[in-house]
Amino acid sequence: MMRVTNHAAGPRLVWPKGARTPRLLVPGESAVIALPDRRDPCLAAWEAAGEVRVEAEPDPGAPDPRPERRRARPRPPSGGEA
């Protein structure tokens, strides 16, 4: 399974493995699909042109790669509050 993200100005058709019809990805859409061949010439050309990004599906059990945000200290009440 691979995550395909469309960065092109228009829609792109991706044919998932074993599907009867292609999958339409609108601009900005991502989908996790089974690809018949990672080295598909159309996907390779789109990827080289920066129109799509093809990457491995993230492991659902893996920790979030972004660090947890630090929480700010609570602010003391302003002078107007009693």
C-alpha atoms as a PDB file:
ATOM      1  CA  MET A   1       0.000   0.000   0.000  1.00  0.00           C
ATOM      2  CA  MET A   2       1.254   3.439  -0.908  1.00  0.00           C
ATOM      3  CA  ARG A   3       0.063   6.960  -0.114  1.00  0.00           C
ATOM      4  CA  VAL A   4      -0.420   9.000  -3.290  1.00  0.00           C
ATOM      5  CA  THR A   5      -0.898  12.772  -2.972  1.00  0.00           C
ATOM      6  CA  ASN A   6      -1.918  14.958  -5.909  1.00  0.00           C
ATOM      7  CA  HIS A   7       0.001  18.252  -6.061  1.00  0.00           C
ATOM      8  CA  ALA A   8      -0.956  19.017  -9.680  1.00  0.00           C
ATOM      9  CA  ALA A   9      -3.208  21.875 -10.737  1.00  0.00           C
ATOM     10  CA  GLY A  10      -5.767  19.381 -12.067  1.00  0.00           C
ATOM     11  CA  PRO A  11      -7.090  15.914 -11.202  1.00  0.00           C
ATOM     12  CA  ARG A  12      -5.047  12.762 -11.784  1.00  0.00           C
ATOM     13  CA  LEU A  13      -6.283   9.215 -12.415  1.00  0.00           C
ATOM     14  CA  VAL A  14      -4.515   6.439 -10.516  1.00  0.00           C
ATOM     15  CA  TRP A  15      -5.368   2.812 -11.213  1.00  0.00           C
ATOM     16  CA  PRO A  16      -5.327   0.768  -7.962  1.00  0.00           C
ATOM     17  CA  LYS A  17      -4.250  -2.860  -8.158  1.00  0.00           C
ATOM     18  CA  GLY A  18      -7.211  -5.134  -8.907  1.00  0.00           C
ATOM     19  CA  ALA A  19      -9.687  -2.260  -9.365  1.00  0.00           C
ATOM     20  CA  ARG A  20     -12.150  -2.182 -12.246  1.00  0.00           C
ATOM     21  CA  THR A  21     -12.000   1.602 -12.536  1.00  0.00           C
ATOM     22  CA  PRO A  22      -9.310   4.193 -11.841  1.00  0.00           C
ATOM     23  CA  ARG A  23      -9.324   6.404  -8.766  1.00  0.00           C
ATOM     24  CA  LEU A  24      -9.657  10.152  -9.378  1.00  0.00           C
ATOM     25  CA  LEU A  25      -7.478  12.303  -7.118  1.00  0.00           C
ATOM     26  CA  VAL A  26      -8.433  15.976  -7.091  1.00  0.00           C
ATOM     27  CA  PRO A  27      -5.752  18.611  -6.365  1.00  0.00           C
ATOM     28  CA  GLY A  28      -4.542  18.330  -2.767  1.00  0.00           C
ATOM     29  CA  GLU A  29      -6.180  14.927  -2.151  1.00  0.00           C
ATOM     30  CA  SER A  30      -4.287  11.970  -0.668  1.00  0.00           C
ATOM     31  CA  ALA A  31      -5.284   8.326  -0.798  1.00  0.00           C
ATOM     32  CA  VAL A  32      -3.737   5.095   0.453  1.00  0.00           C
ATOM     33  CA  ILE A  33      -4.043   2.610  -2.386  1.00  0.00           C
ATOM     34  CA  ALA A  34      -2.489  -0.632  -3.574  1.00  0.00           C
ATOM     35  CA  LEU A  35      -0.379   0.101  -6.635  1.00  0.00           C
ATOM     36  CA  PRO A  36       0.222  -2.632  -9.210  1.00  0.00           C
ATOM     37  CA  ASP A  37       3.757  -1.381  -9.864  1.00  0.00           C
ATOM     38  CA  ARG A  38       5.657   1.310  -7.949  1.00  0.00           C
ATOM     39  CA  ARG A  39       7.700   1.979 -11.091  1.00  0.00           C
ATOM     40  CA  ASP A  40       4.649   2.858 -13.211  1.00  0.00           C
ATOM     41  CA  PRO A  41       5.851   5.210 -16.002  1.00  0.00           C
ATOM     42  CA  CYS A  42       2.955   7.678 -15.582  1.00  0.00           C
ATOM     43  CA  LEU A  43       3.416   7.926 -11.824  1.00  0.00           C
ATOM     44  CA  ALA A  44       7.190   8.241 -12.265  1.00  0.00           C
ATOM     45  CA  ALA A  45       6.761  11.098 -14.757  1.00  0.00           C
ATOM     46  CA  TRP A  46       4.220  12.888 -12.533  1.00  0.00           C
ATOM     47  CA  GLU A  47       6.474  12.395  -9.508  1.00  0.00           C
ATOM     48  CA  ALA A  48       9.518  13.743 -11.382  1.00  0.00           C
ATOM     49  CA  ALA A  49       7.491  16.800 -12.417  1.00  0.00           C
ATOM     50  CA  GLY A  50       6.365  17.352  -8.799  1.00  0.00           C
ATOM     51  CA  GLU A  51       2.707  16.755  -9.645  1.00  0.00           C
ATOM     52  CA  VAL A  52       2.218  13.768  -7.335  1.00  0.00           C
ATOM     53  CA  ARG A  53       4.024  12.351  -4.335  1.00  0.00           C
ATOM     54  CA  VAL A  54       4.149   8.585  -3.803  1.00  0.00           C
ATOM     55  CA  GLU A  55       5.324   7.363  -0.414  1.00  0.00           C
ATOM     56  CA  ALA A  56       4.985   4.329   1.816  1.00  0.00           C
ATOM     57  CA  GLU A  57       1.852   4.167   3.934  1.00  0.00           C
ATOM     58  CA  PRO A  58       2.657   5.359   7.459  1.00  0.00           C
ATOM     59  CA  ASP A  59       2.669   2.656  10.115  1.00  0.00           C
ATOM     60  CA  PRO A  60      -0.434   3.218  12.299  1.00  0.00           C
ATOM     61  CA  GLY A  61       1.483   2.053  15.403  1.00  0.00           C
ATOM     62  CA  ALA A  62       4.432   4.415  14.900  1.00  0.00           C
ATOM     63  CA  PRO A  63       4.723   7.468  17.136  1.00  0.00           C
ATOM     64  CA  ASP A  64       3.931  10.885  15.695  1.00  0.00           C
ATOM     65  CA  PRO A  65       7.152  12.276  14.144  1.00  0.00           C
ATOM     66  CA  ARG A  66       6.231  15.818  15.245  1.00  0.00           C
ATOM     67  CA  PRO A  67       7.312  16.581  18.801  1.00  0.00           C
ATOM     68  CA  GLU A  68       4.634  17.390  21.322  1.00  0.00           C
ATOM     69  CA  ARG A  69       4.142  21.124  21.747  1.00  0.00           C
ATOM     70  CA  ARG A  70       5.241  22.596  25.015  1.00  0.00           C
ATOM     71  CA  ARG A  71       2.480  24.070  27.042  1.00  0.00           C
ATOM     72  CA  ALA A  72       2.943  27.646  28.210  1.00  0.00           C
ATOM     73  CA  ARG A  73       2.960  28.430  31.889  1.00  0.00           C
ATOM     74  CA  PRO A  74      -0.347  29.751  33.200  1.00  0.00           C
ATOM     75  CA  ARG A  75      -0.411  33.509  33.239  1.00  0.00           C
ATOM     76  CA  PRO A  76      -0.986  35.316  36.520  1.00  0.00           C
ATOM     77  CA  PRO A  77      -4.288  37.167  36.725  1.00  0.00           C
ATOM     78  CA  SER A  78      -4.181  40.758  35.494  1.00  0.00           C
ATOM     79  CA  GLY A  79      -4.566  43.667  37.919  1.00  0.00           C
ATOM     80  CA  GLY A  80      -8.256  44.186  37.038  1.00  0.00           C
ATOM     81  CA  GLU A  81      -9.363  40.804  38.422  1.00  0.00           C
ATOM     82  CA  ALA A  82      -9.968  40.228  42.102  1.00  0.00           C
END
